[in-house]
Amino acid sequence: MGVMVQDPQALYAFEPEGLEAVQSAFLEASAGPVLLHFLDGFMDAGETGGQVVEHLLNDPDAVLVARFDADRLVDYRARRPTMVFDRDHWASYDAPELDLYLLHDAVGTPFLLLSGPEPDVEWERFAAAVLDVCDHLDVSLAVGFHGIPMGVPHTRPVGLTPHGNRRDLLGKFPRWFERVQVPGSVDAMLEFRMGEAGLGTIGFAAHVPHYLARTAWPPSAVAVLEAVQSATGLVLPGAEIRARISEVQEEVDQQIAEGDGELKSAVAGLEQQYDAVAGAADRESLLAEPVDLPSADELAAAFEEFLAEHNDEQ
């Protein structure tokens, strides 16, 4: 790695019952567990990753496998935990939790999920700790996911940007990026360090209409679930999220219909651009087509603006 870090094992602790459950679940398996990971706090347009994690953690048989030291990793003054004051006393404190769970898909297949707040400090040490856990549990594949704001319309299917070193699992998607420099994240660095260590990695970034970036957008979460399902073989139907799609889409359509003509024209323009790109999808290179796609600098600027507004709201 070329980076000196303190003992990563001091950053986490296994839960004995959870560790035993993982070992038992994969005792006779031909391959180790799949690890899904999403850390909240960076970029998650449309609350894509957040919706997926919330859905997965509804598993009634979820078992806590390991707990990371959130008290060391999270900057409380930057992201103050919520507390409840009830008349004359403090009634509760929502402590941040950065945990690894053993979950099961719709047909009972076990897998792992790492979720919680993105660490503010000691990224390298945290990455080394996660790699140590992956090695201990014989993880076979790591899968990340989140949403990114894009100049796409809400009236078209959700696009995805796949990435990772297991290109055989990524499927075929139109290529929207060549090379772009964007702010880093722990999830991205995890994928980078895992790849360096020889662990199989894949990830999916769902394209969320930029005007819905700070709204829970169910279609992007469903697109991620379908992509993860296709790549890993896990059965992740997401019925609860799918049930909200029509309602949310109708609300957005109504707001646009009641808005000014400029907004309607902007959506129409995005539809034309999307259709032009989709029509070129079967060609060898999308970027060879005379389509008005955003440049790398424009995309980076959009990411920076989204993060700045997100931080201001927090």
C-alpha atoms as a PDB file:
ATOM      1  CA  MET A   1       0.000   0.000   0.000  1.00  0.00           C
ATOM      2  CA  GLY A   2       2.861   2.330   0.731  1.00  0.00           C
ATOM      3  CA  VAL A   3       0.950   3.999   3.585  1.00  0.00           C
ATOM      4  CA  MET A   4       1.828   3.519   7.251  1.00  0.00           C
ATOM      5  CA  VAL A   5      -1.222   3.073   9.492  1.00  0.00           C
ATOM      6  CA  GLN A   6      -1.763   2.105  13.095  1.00  0.00           C
ATOM      7  CA  ASP A   7      -3.045  -1.352  13.979  1.00  0.00           C
ATOM      8  CA  PRO A   8      -6.308  -1.696  11.998  1.00  0.00           C
ATOM      9  CA  GLN A   9      -7.581  -4.487  14.251  1.00  0.00           C
ATOM     10  CA  ALA A  10      -8.099  -1.951  17.031  1.00  0.00           C
ATOM     11  CA  LEU A  11     -10.825  -0.291  14.908  1.00  0.00           C
ATOM     12  CA  TYR A  12     -13.298  -3.174  15.010  1.00  0.00           C
ATOM     13  CA  ALA A  13     -14.518  -6.046  17.117  1.00  0.00           C
ATOM     14  CA  PHE A  14     -16.301  -9.212  16.058  1.00  0.00           C
ATOM     15  CA  GLU A  15     -19.499 -10.256  17.762  1.00  0.00           C
ATOM     16  CA  PRO A  16     -18.938 -13.923  18.782  1.00  0.00           C
ATOM     17  CA  GLU A  17     -22.448 -15.037  17.827  1.00  0.00           C
ATOM     18  CA  GLY A  18     -22.302 -13.160  14.519  1.00  0.00           C
ATOM     19  CA  LEU A  19     -18.901 -14.555  13.628  1.00  0.00           C
ATOM     20  CA  GLU A  20     -20.123 -18.068  14.382  1.00  0.00           C
ATOM     21  CA  ALA A  21     -23.234 -17.450  12.245  1.00  0.00           C
ATOM     22  CA  VAL A  22     -21.125 -16.435   9.236  1.00  0.00           C
ATOM     23  CA  GLN A  23     -18.817 -19.401   9.611  1.00  0.00           C
ATOM     24  CA  SER A  24     -21.788 -21.740   9.896  1.00  0.00           C
ATOM     25  CA  ALA A  25     -23.610 -20.192   6.919  1.00  0.00           C
ATOM     26  CA  PHE A  26     -20.640 -20.664   4.604  1.00  0.00           C
ATOM     27  CA  LEU A  27     -19.233 -23.871   6.057  1.00  0.00           C
ATOM     28  CA  GLU A  28     -19.989 -25.938   2.960  1.00  0.00           C
ATOM     29  CA  ALA A  29     -20.202 -23.102   0.416  1.00  0.00           C
ATOM     30  CA  SER A  30     -18.010 -23.226  -2.686  1.00  0.00           C
ATOM     31  CA  ALA A  31     -17.233 -19.509  -2.348  1.00  0.00           C
ATOM     32  CA  GLY A  32     -17.056 -16.983   0.451  1.00  0.00           C
ATOM     33  CA  PRO A  33     -19.718 -14.359   1.145  1.00  0.00           C
ATOM     34  CA  VAL A  34     -20.567 -11.369  -1.018  1.00  0.00           C
ATOM     35  CA  LEU A  35     -20.076  -8.072   0.811  1.00  0.00           C
ATOM     36  CA  LEU A  36     -22.341  -5.128  -0.026  1.00  0.00           C
ATOM     37  CA  HIS A  37     -21.146  -1.776   1.273  1.00  0.00           C
ATOM     38  CA  PHE A  38     -22.571   1.739   1.440  1.00  0.00           C
ATOM     39  CA  LEU A  39     -21.351   4.476   3.782  1.00  0.00           C
ATOM     40  CA  ASP A  40     -23.580   7.512   4.154  1.00  0.00           C
ATOM     41  CA  GLY A  41     -22.187  11.032   4.106  1.00  0.00           C
ATOM     42  CA  PHE A  42     -20.625  11.594   0.688  1.00  0.00           C
ATOM     43  CA  MET A  43     -22.690  11.632  -2.477  1.00  0.00           C
ATOM     44  CA  ASP A  44     -25.945   9.711  -2.652  1.00  0.00           C
ATOM     45  CA  ALA A  45     -28.242  11.482  -5.090  1.00  0.00           C
ATOM     46  CA  GLY A  46     -31.836  10.396  -4.757  1.00  0.00           C
ATOM     47  CA  GLU A  47     -30.954   8.707  -1.449  1.00  0.00           C
ATOM     48  CA  THR A  48     -30.215   5.707  -3.650  1.00  0.00           C
ATOM     49  CA  GLY A  49     -27.839   3.840  -1.373  1.00  0.00           C
ATOM     50  CA  GLY A  50     -29.767   4.888   1.714  1.00  0.00           C
ATOM     51  CA  GLN A  51     -32.988   3.376   0.368  1.00  0.00           C
ATOM     52  CA  VAL A  52     -31.232   0.130  -0.541  1.00  0.00           C
ATOM     53  CA  VAL A  53     -29.626  -0.199   2.896  1.00  0.00           C
ATOM     54  CA  GLU A  54     -32.895   0.559   4.692  1.00  0.00           C
ATOM     55  CA  HIS A  55     -34.619  -2.125   2.615  1.00  0.00           C
ATOM     56  CA  LEU A  56     -31.920  -4.737   3.220  1.00  0.00           C
ATOM     57  CA  LEU A  57     -31.778  -4.112   6.969  1.00  0.00           C
ATOM     58  CA  ASN A  58     -35.467  -5.007   7.223  1.00  0.00           C
ATOM     59  CA  ASP A  59     -34.291  -8.624   7.283  1.00  0.00           C
ATOM     60  CA  PRO A  60     -35.792 -10.024  10.519  1.00  0.00           C
ATOM     61  CA  ASP A  61     -32.950 -12.525  10.739  1.00  0.00           C
ATOM     62  CA  ALA A  62     -30.171  -9.930  10.503  1.00  0.00           C
ATOM     63  CA  VAL A  63     -27.192 -10.776  12.709  1.00  0.00           C
ATOM     64  CA  LEU A  64     -24.556  -8.277  13.835  1.00  0.00           C
ATOM     65  CA  VAL A  65     -21.152  -9.664  12.837  1.00  0.00           C
ATOM     66  CA  ALA A  66     -18.732  -6.836  13.603  1.00  0.00           C
ATOM     67  CA  ARG A  67     -18.843  -3.290  14.938  1.00  0.00           C
ATOM     68  CA  PHE A  68     -16.395  -0.579  13.909  1.00  0.00           C
ATOM     69  CA  ASP A  69     -15.292   2.160  16.292  1.00  0.00           C
ATOM     70  CA  ALA A  70     -17.555   4.976  15.093  1.00  0.00           C
ATOM     71  CA  ASP A  71     -16.602   7.052  18.127  1.00  0.00           C
ATOM     72  CA  ARG A  72     -13.061   7.263  16.743  1.00  0.00           C
ATOM     73  CA  LEU A  73     -13.965   7.578  13.067  1.00  0.00           C
ATOM     74  CA  VAL A  74     -16.813  10.127  13.064  1.00  0.00           C
ATOM     75  CA  ASP A  75     -16.396  13.878  13.539  1.00  0.00           C
ATOM     76  CA  TYR A  76     -19.368  14.633  15.776  1.00  0.00           C
ATOM     77  CA  ARG A  77     -19.119  18.408  15.374  1.00  0.00           C
ATOM     78  CA  ALA A  78     -19.309  18.086  11.590  1.00  0.00           C
ATOM     79  CA  ARG A  79     -22.263  15.671  11.741  1.00  0.00           C
ATOM     80  CA  ARG A  80     -23.887  16.140  15.111  1.00  0.00           C
ATOM     81  CA  PRO A  81     -25.918  13.112  16.262  1.00  0.00           C
ATOM     82  CA  THR A  82     -29.552  13.856  17.052  1.00  0.00           C
ATOM     83  CA  MET A  83     -30.897  13.907  20.584  1.00  0.00           C
ATOM     84  CA  VAL A  84     -34.440  14.199  21.914  1.00  0.00           C
ATOM     85  CA  PHE A  85     -35.331  16.613  24.707  1.00  0.00           C
ATOM     86  CA  ASP A  86     -38.597  15.616  26.408  1.00  0.00           C
ATOM     87  CA  ARG A  87     -40.076  18.453  28.526  1.00  0.00           C
ATOM     88  CA  ASP A  88     -37.429  18.488  31.258  1.00  0.00           C
ATOM     89  CA  HIS A  89     -34.835  15.838  30.382  1.00  0.00           C
ATOM     90  CA  TRP A  90     -32.802  14.334  27.565  1.00  0.00           C
ATOM     91  CA  ALA A  91     -34.743  11.242  26.505  1.00  0.00           C
ATOM     92  CA  SER A  92     -32.538   9.699  23.822  1.00  0.00           C
ATOM     93  CA  TYR A  93     -29.287   9.938  21.918  1.00  0.00           C
ATOM     94  CA  ASP A  94     -28.877   8.581  18.385  1.00  0.00           C
ATOM     95  CA  ALA A  95     -25.296   7.332  18.479  1.00  0.00           C
ATOM     96  CA  PRO A  96     -23.651   6.697  15.096  1.00  0.00           C
ATOM     97  CA  GLU A  97     -23.164   3.021  14.269  1.00  0.00           C
ATOM     98  CA  LEU A  98     -20.819   1.581  11.657  1.00  0.00           C
ATOM     99  CA  ASP A  99     -21.647  -2.104  11.530  1.00  0.00           C
ATOM    100  CA  LEU A 100     -21.294  -5.292   9.526  1.00  0.00           C
ATOM    101  CA  TYR A 101     -24.366  -7.532   9.321  1.00  0.00           C
ATOM    102  CA  LEU A 102     -25.121 -11.018   8.084  1.00  0.00           C
ATOM    103  CA  LEU A 103     -28.336 -10.865   6.050  1.00  0.00           C
ATOM    104  CA  HIS A 104     -30.320 -13.204   3.813  1.00  0.00           C
ATOM    105  CA  ASP A 105     -31.939 -12.599   0.437  1.00  0.00           C
ATOM    106  CA  ALA A 106     -35.472 -13.581  -0.556  1.00  0.00           C
ATOM    107  CA  VAL A 107     -34.550 -17.256  -0.970  1.00  0.00           C
ATOM    108  CA  GLY A 108     -32.367 -17.476   2.129  1.00  0.00           C
ATOM    109  CA  THR A 109     -28.938 -16.975   0.568  1.00  0.00           C
ATOM    110  CA  PRO A 110     -26.614 -15.311   3.120  1.00  0.00           C
ATOM    111  CA  PHE A 111     -24.552 -12.210   2.377  1.00  0.00           C
ATOM    112  CA  LEU A 112     -22.854  -9.378   4.280  1.00  0.00           C
ATOM    113  CA  LEU A 113     -23.709  -5.666   4.488  1.00  0.00           C
ATOM    114  CA  LEU A 114     -21.401  -2.942   5.779  1.00  0.00           C
ATOM    115  CA  SER A 115     -23.206   0.343   6.419  1.00  0.00           C
ATOM    116  CA  GLY A 116     -23.161   3.434   8.597  1.00  0.00           C
ATOM    117  CA  PRO A 117     -21.687   6.940   8.463  1.00  0.00           C
ATOM    118  CA  GLU A 118     -18.692   7.500   6.227  1.00  0.00           C
ATOM    119  CA  PRO A 119     -15.569   7.887   8.417  1.00  0.00           C
ATOM    120  CA  ASP A 120     -14.294  11.455   8.638  1.00  0.00           C
ATOM    121  CA  VAL A 121     -10.779  10.445   9.670  1.00  0.00           C
ATOM    122  CA  GLU A 122      -8.308   7.545   9.438  1.00  0.00           C
ATOM    123  CA  TRP A 123      -9.467   6.427   6.009  1.00  0.00           C
ATOM    124  CA  GLU A 124      -6.429   4.255   5.382  1.00  0.00           C
ATOM    125  CA  ARG A 125      -6.701   2.588   8.752  1.00  0.00           C
ATOM    126  CA  PHE A 126     -10.405   1.958   8.211  1.00  0.00           C
ATOM    127  CA  ALA A 127      -9.750   0.498   4.752  1.00  0.00           C
ATOM    128  CA  ALA A 128      -7.090  -1.771   6.218  1.00  0.00           C
ATOM    129  CA  ALA A 129      -9.551  -2.842   8.927  1.00  0.00           C
ATOM    130  CA  VAL A 130     -12.237  -3.675   6.345  1.00  0.00           C
ATOM    131  CA  LEU A 131      -9.714  -5.641   4.303  1.00  0.00           C
ATOM    132  CA  ASP A 132      -8.705  -7.505   7.455  1.00  0.00           C
ATOM    133  CA  VAL A 133     -12.353  -8.403   8.112  1.00  0.00           C
ATOM    134  CA  CYS A 134     -12.817  -9.483   4.488  1.00  0.00           C
ATOM    135  CA  ASP A 135      -9.776 -11.726   4.730  1.00  0.00           C
ATOM    136  CA  HIS A 136     -10.967 -13.236   8.023  1.00  0.00           C
ATOM    137  CA  LEU A 137     -14.430 -13.976   6.595  1.00  0.00           C
ATOM    138  CA  ASP A 138     -13.103 -15.083   3.185  1.00  0.00           C
ATOM    139  CA  VAL A 139     -15.178 -12.498   1.298  1.00  0.00           C
ATOM    140  CA  SER A 140     -15.315 -13.398  -2.387  1.00  0.00           C
ATOM    141  CA  LEU A 141     -16.710 -10.175  -3.875  1.00  0.00           C
ATOM    142  CA  ALA A 142     -17.304  -6.599  -2.655  1.00  0.00           C
ATOM    143  CA  VAL A 143     -20.136  -4.545  -4.147  1.00  0.00           C
ATOM    144  CA  GLY A 144     -20.669  -0.799  -3.668  1.00  0.00           C
ATOM    145  CA  PHE A 145     -23.542   1.418  -4.811  1.00  0.00           C
ATOM    146  CA  HIS A 146     -24.814   4.998  -4.631  1.00  0.00           C
ATOM    147  CA  GLY A 147     -26.554   7.683  -6.675  1.00  0.00           C
ATOM    148  CA  ILE A 148     -24.972  10.525  -8.643  1.00  0.00           C
ATOM    149  CA  PRO A 149     -26.699  13.658 -10.007  1.00  0.00           C
ATOM    150  CA  MET A 150     -26.866  13.682 -13.806  1.00  0.00           C
ATOM    151  CA  GLY A 151     -28.451  15.740 -16.547  1.00  0.00           C
ATOM    152  CA  VAL A 152     -31.102  13.111 -17.260  1.00  0.00           C
ATOM    153  CA  PRO A 153     -34.926  13.297 -17.195  1.00  0.00           C
ATOM    154  CA  HIS A 154     -37.089  11.495 -14.651  1.00  0.00           C
ATOM    155  CA  THR A 155     -39.306  10.261 -17.502  1.00  0.00           C
ATOM    156  CA  ARG A 156     -36.713   7.790 -18.801  1.00  0.00           C
ATOM    157  CA  PRO A 157     -35.201   4.574 -17.357  1.00  0.00           C
ATOM    158  CA  VAL A 158     -32.460   5.019 -14.769  1.00  0.00           C
ATOM    159  CA  GLY A 159     -28.971   4.704 -16.208  1.00  0.00           C
ATOM    160  CA  LEU A 160     -26.037   3.163 -14.391  1.00  0.00           C
ATOM    161  CA  THR A 161     -22.277   3.609 -14.435  1.00  0.00           C
ATOM    162  CA  PRO A 162     -20.704   0.267 -13.466  1.00  0.00           C
ATOM    163  CA  HIS A 163     -17.127   0.015 -12.252  1.00  0.00           C
ATOM    164  CA  GLY A 164     -14.694  -2.412 -10.626  1.00  0.00           C
ATOM    165  CA  ASN A 165     -12.153  -5.076 -11.498  1.00  0.00           C
ATOM    166  CA  ARG A 166     -14.673  -7.882 -12.150  1.00  0.00           C
ATOM    167  CA  ARG A 167     -15.702  -6.667 -15.571  1.00  0.00           C
ATOM    168  CA  ASP A 168     -17.254 -10.045 -16.324  1.00  0.00           C
ATOM    169  CA  LEU A 169     -19.965  -9.238 -13.755  1.00  0.00           C
ATOM    170  CA  LEU A 170     -20.694  -5.642 -14.715  1.00  0.00           C
ATOM    171  CA  GLY A 171     -22.945  -6.196 -17.719  1.00  0.00           C
ATOM    172  CA  LYS A 172     -23.186  -3.875 -20.697  1.00  0.00           C
ATOM    173  CA  PHE A 173     -24.148  -0.263 -20.155  1.00  0.00           C
ATOM    174  CA  PRO A 174     -23.664   2.882 -22.267  1.00  0.00           C
ATOM    175  CA  ARG A 175     -20.391   4.546 -21.338  1.00  0.00           C
ATOM    176  CA  TRP A 176     -20.990   8.079 -20.053  1.00  0.00           C
ATOM    177  CA  PHE A 177     -17.475   8.793 -18.799  1.00  0.00           C
ATOM    178  CA  GLU A 178     -13.976   8.520 -20.220  1.00  0.00           C
ATOM    179  CA  ARG A 179     -11.809  10.048 -17.500  1.00  0.00           C
ATOM    180  CA  VAL A 180     -13.005  12.454 -14.820  1.00  0.00           C
ATOM    181  CA  GLN A 181     -11.556  13.753 -11.563  1.00  0.00           C
ATOM    182  CA  VAL A 182     -14.049  14.003  -8.683  1.00  0.00           C
ATOM    183  CA  PRO A 183     -13.856  14.322  -4.882  1.00  0.00           C
ATOM    184  CA  GLY A 184     -12.937  11.056  -3.207  1.00  0.00           C
ATOM    185  CA  SER A 185     -15.007   8.953  -0.815  1.00  0.00           C
ATOM    186  CA  VAL A 186     -14.339   6.096   1.563  1.00  0.00           C
ATOM    187  CA  ASP A 187     -16.488   3.724  -0.503  1.00  0.00           C
ATOM    188  CA  ALA A 188     -14.438   4.567  -3.602  1.00  0.00           C
ATOM    189  CA  MET A 189     -11.174   4.188  -1.719  1.00  0.00           C
ATOM    190  CA  LEU A 190     -12.342   0.849  -0.323  1.00  0.00           C
ATOM    191  CA  GLU A 191     -12.875  -0.398  -3.867  1.00  0.00           C
ATOM    192  CA  PHE A 192      -9.462   0.930  -4.862  1.00  0.00           C
ATOM    193  CA  ARG A 193      -7.644  -0.704  -1.928  1.00  0.00           C
ATOM    194  CA  MET A 194      -9.577  -3.947  -2.298  1.00  0.00           C
ATOM    195  CA  GLY A 195      -8.554  -4.123  -5.940  1.00  0.00           C
ATOM    196  CA  GLU A 196      -4.930  -3.576  -4.979  1.00  0.00           C
ATOM    197  CA  ALA A 197      -5.256  -6.447  -2.507  1.00  0.00           C
ATOM    198  CA  GLY A 198      -6.631  -8.794  -5.177  1.00  0.00           C
ATOM    199  CA  LEU A 199     -10.239  -8.882  -3.960  1.00  0.00           C
ATOM    200  CA  GLY A 200     -12.962  -8.888  -6.604  1.00  0.00           C
ATOM    201  CA  THR A 201     -14.869  -5.590  -6.687  1.00  0.00           C
ATOM    202  CA  ILE A 202     -17.807  -4.114  -8.546  1.00  0.00           C
ATOM    203  CA  GLY A 203     -19.916  -1.020  -8.039  1.00  0.00           C
ATOM    204  CA  PHE A 204     -22.925   0.748  -9.513  1.00  0.00           C
ATOM    205  CA  ALA A 205     -23.598   4.484  -9.624  1.00  0.00           C
ATOM    206  CA  ALA A 206     -27.232   5.216 -10.457  1.00  0.00           C
ATOM    207  CA  HIS A 207     -27.931   8.307 -12.568  1.00  0.00           C
ATOM    208  CA  VAL A 208     -30.449  10.490 -10.734  1.00  0.00           C
ATOM    209  CA  PRO A 209     -32.014  13.562 -12.367  1.00  0.00           C
ATOM    210  CA  HIS A 210     -30.072  16.484 -10.925  1.00  0.00           C
ATOM    211  CA  TYR A 211     -33.284  18.296 -10.013  1.00  0.00           C
ATOM    212  CA  LEU A 212     -34.249  15.326  -7.805  1.00  0.00           C
ATOM    213  CA  ALA A 213     -30.817  14.787  -6.253  1.00  0.00           C
ATOM    214  CA  ARG A 214     -31.959  15.641  -2.719  1.00  0.00           C
ATOM    215  CA  THR A 215     -35.234  13.727  -2.980  1.00  0.00           C
ATOM    216  CA  ALA A 216     -35.700  10.020  -2.290  1.00  0.00           C
ATOM    217  CA  TRP A 217     -35.981   8.632  -5.838  1.00  0.00           C
ATOM    218  CA  PRO A 218     -37.205   4.988  -5.748  1.00  0.00           C
ATOM    219  CA  PRO A 219     -36.407   4.179  -9.417  1.00  0.00           C
ATOM    220  CA  SER A 220     -32.673   4.634  -8.783  1.00  0.00           C
ATOM    221  CA  ALA A 221     -32.756   2.312  -5.766  1.00  0.00           C
ATOM    222  CA  VAL A 222     -34.613  -0.343  -7.776  1.00  0.00           C
ATOM    223  CA  ALA A 223     -32.074  -0.005 -10.616  1.00  0.00           C
ATOM    224  CA  VAL A 224     -29.257  -0.648  -8.134  1.00  0.00           C
ATOM    225  CA  LEU A 225     -31.030  -3.663  -6.623  1.00  0.00           C
ATOM    226  CA  GLU A 226     -31.557  -5.147 -10.088  1.00  0.00           C
ATOM    227  CA  ALA A 227     -27.935  -4.568 -11.073  1.00  0.00           C
ATOM    228  CA  VAL A 228     -26.601  -6.128  -7.854  1.00  0.00           C
ATOM    229  CA  GLN A 229     -28.993  -9.034  -8.274  1.00  0.00           C
ATOM    230  CA  SER A 230     -27.843  -9.639 -11.849  1.00  0.00           C
ATOM    231  CA  ALA A 231     -24.162  -9.447 -10.931  1.00  0.00           C
ATOM    232  CA  THR A 232     -24.212 -11.534  -7.751  1.00  0.00           C
ATOM    233  CA  GLY A 233     -27.151 -13.914  -8.121  1.00  0.00           C
ATOM    234  CA  LEU A 234     -28.682 -12.639  -4.884  1.00  0.00           C
ATOM    235  CA  VAL A 235     -32.473 -12.296  -5.004  1.00  0.00           C
ATOM    236  CA  LEU A 236     -33.234  -8.712  -3.944  1.00  0.00           C
ATOM    237  CA  PRO A 237     -36.729  -7.889  -5.257  1.00  0.00           C
ATOM    238  CA  GLY A 238     -37.308  -4.655  -3.312  1.00  0.00           C
ATOM    239  CA  ALA A 239     -41.118  -4.825  -3.385  1.00  0.00           C
ATOM    240  CA  GLU A 240     -41.444  -2.040  -0.798  1.00  0.00           C
ATOM    241  CA  ILE A 241     -39.365   0.361  -2.878  1.00  0.00           C
ATOM    242  CA  ARG A 242     -41.120  -0.567  -6.126  1.00  0.00           C
ATOM    243  CA  ALA A 243     -44.470   0.168  -4.506  1.00  0.00           C
ATOM    244  CA  ARG A 244     -43.456   3.823  -4.063  1.00  0.00           C
ATOM    245  CA  ILE A 245     -42.344   4.428  -7.657  1.00  0.00           C
ATOM    246  CA  SER A 246     -45.712   5.386  -9.175  1.00  0.00           C
ATOM    247  CA  GLU A 247     -46.623   7.663  -6.289  1.00  0.00           C
ATOM    248  CA  VAL A 248     -43.328   9.560  -6.358  1.00  0.00           C
ATOM    249  CA  GLN A 249     -43.333   9.853 -10.153  1.00  0.00           C
ATOM    250  CA  GLU A 250     -46.862  11.255 -10.097  1.00  0.00           C
ATOM    251  CA  GLU A 251     -45.847  13.836  -7.505  1.00  0.00           C
ATOM    252  CA  VAL A 252     -42.886  14.955  -9.605  1.00  0.00           C
ATOM    253  CA  ASP A 253     -45.008  15.118 -12.769  1.00  0.00           C
ATOM    254  CA  GLN A 254     -47.595  17.225 -10.956  1.00  0.00           C
ATOM    255  CA  GLN A 255     -45.002  19.660  -9.623  1.00  0.00           C
ATOM    256  CA  ILE A 256     -43.511  20.093 -13.095  1.00  0.00           C
ATOM    257  CA  ALA A 257     -46.947  20.529 -14.666  1.00  0.00           C
ATOM    258  CA  GLU A 258     -47.811  23.223 -12.139  1.00  0.00           C
ATOM    259  CA  GLY A 259     -44.422  24.900 -12.505  1.00  0.00           C
ATOM    260  CA  ASP A 260     -43.298  27.483 -15.023  1.00  0.00           C
ATOM    261  CA  GLY A 261     -42.691  26.772 -18.684  1.00  0.00           C
ATOM    262  CA  GLU A 262     -38.929  26.979 -18.238  1.00  0.00           C
ATOM    263  CA  LEU A 263     -38.877  23.828 -16.124  1.00  0.00           C
ATOM    264  CA  LYS A 264     -41.006  21.936 -18.650  1.00  0.00           C
ATOM    265  CA  SER A 265     -38.695  23.026 -21.462  1.00  0.00           C
ATOM    266  CA  ALA A 266     -35.650  21.921 -19.470  1.00  0.00           C
ATOM    267  CA  VAL A 267     -37.117  18.437 -18.941  1.00  0.00           C
ATOM    268  CA  ALA A 268     -38.015  18.206 -22.627  1.00  0.00           C
ATOM    269  CA  GLY A 269     -34.447  19.121 -23.537  1.00  0.00           C
ATOM    270  CA  LEU A 270     -33.102  16.434 -21.236  1.00  0.00           C
ATOM    271  CA  GLU A 271     -35.438  13.904 -22.837  1.00  0.00           C
ATOM    272  CA  GLN A 272     -34.084  14.754 -26.296  1.00  0.00           C
ATOM    273  CA  GLN A 273     -30.501  14.420 -25.102  1.00  0.00           C
ATOM    274  CA  TYR A 274     -31.223  11.119 -23.332  1.00  0.00           C
ATOM    275  CA  ASP A 275     -32.945   9.674 -26.415  1.00  0.00           C
ATOM    276  CA  ALA A 276     -30.014  10.710 -28.614  1.00  0.00           C
ATOM    277  CA  VAL A 277     -27.564   8.928 -26.322  1.00  0.00           C
ATOM    278  CA  ALA A 278     -29.790   5.856 -25.999  1.00  0.00           C
ATOM    279  CA  GLY A 279     -30.055   5.650 -29.767  1.00  0.00           C
ATOM    280  CA  ALA A 280     -26.275   5.553 -30.020  1.00  0.00           C
ATOM    281  CA  ALA A 281     -25.869   2.908 -27.306  1.00  0.00           C
ATOM    282  CA  ASP A 282     -25.246   0.053 -29.737  1.00  0.00           C
ATOM    283  CA  ARG A 283     -22.446   1.854 -31.489  1.00  0.00           C
ATOM    284  CA  GLU A 284     -18.848   1.251 -30.534  1.00  0.00           C
ATOM    285  CA  SER A 285     -18.345   4.602 -28.822  1.00  0.00           C
ATOM    286  CA  LEU A 286     -21.010   6.955 -27.555  1.00  0.00           C
ATOM    287  CA  LEU A 287     -18.517   9.756 -27.318  1.00  0.00           C
ATOM    288  CA  ALA A 288     -17.886   9.619 -31.065  1.00  0.00           C
ATOM    289  CA  GLU A 289     -21.474  10.747 -31.663  1.00  0.00           C
ATOM    290  CA  PRO A 290     -22.281  14.479 -32.000  1.00  0.00           C
ATOM    291  CA  VAL A 291     -24.345  14.474 -28.792  1.00  0.00           C
ATOM    292  CA  ASP A 292     -24.169  17.296 -26.263  1.00  0.00           C
ATOM    293  CA  LEU A 293     -22.823  15.292 -23.308  1.00  0.00           C
ATOM    294  CA  PRO A 294     -21.411  17.040 -20.240  1.00  0.00           C
ATOM    295  CA  SER A 295     -17.646  17.436 -20.146  1.00  0.00           C
ATOM    296  CA  ALA A 296     -15.471  16.053 -17.358  1.00  0.00           C
ATOM    297  CA  ASP A 297     -15.071  19.552 -15.927  1.00  0.00           C
ATOM    298  CA  GLU A 298     -18.829  20.127 -15.997  1.00  0.00           C
ATOM    299  CA  LEU A 299     -19.498  16.825 -14.254  1.00  0.00           C
ATOM    300  CA  ALA A 300     -16.875  17.538 -11.608  1.00  0.00           C
ATOM    301  CA  ALA A 301     -18.378  20.993 -11.054  1.00  0.00           C
ATOM    302  CA  ALA A 302     -21.843  19.463 -10.673  1.00  0.00           C
ATOM    303  CA  PHE A 303     -20.508  17.008  -8.094  1.00  0.00           C
ATOM    304  CA  GLU A 304     -18.789  19.811  -6.182  1.00  0.00           C
ATOM    305  CA  GLU A 305     -21.971  21.940  -6.211  1.00  0.00           C
ATOM    306  CA  PHE A 306     -24.101  19.021  -5.016  1.00  0.00           C
ATOM    307  CA  LEU A 307     -21.705  18.284  -2.144  1.00  0.00           C
ATOM    308  CA  ALA A 308     -21.481  21.956  -1.139  1.00  0.00           C
ATOM    309  CA  GLU A 309     -25.273  22.287  -0.964  1.00  0.00           C
ATOM    310  CA  HIS A 310     -25.537  18.969   0.896  1.00  0.00           C
ATOM    311  CA  ASN A 311     -22.989  20.110   3.479  1.00  0.00           C
ATOM    312  CA  ASP A 312     -24.750  23.469   3.903  1.00  0.00           C
ATOM    313  CA  GLU A 313     -28.031  21.694   4.649  1.00  0.00           C
ATOM    314  CA  GLN A 314     -26.352  19.491   7.253  1.00  0.00           C
END
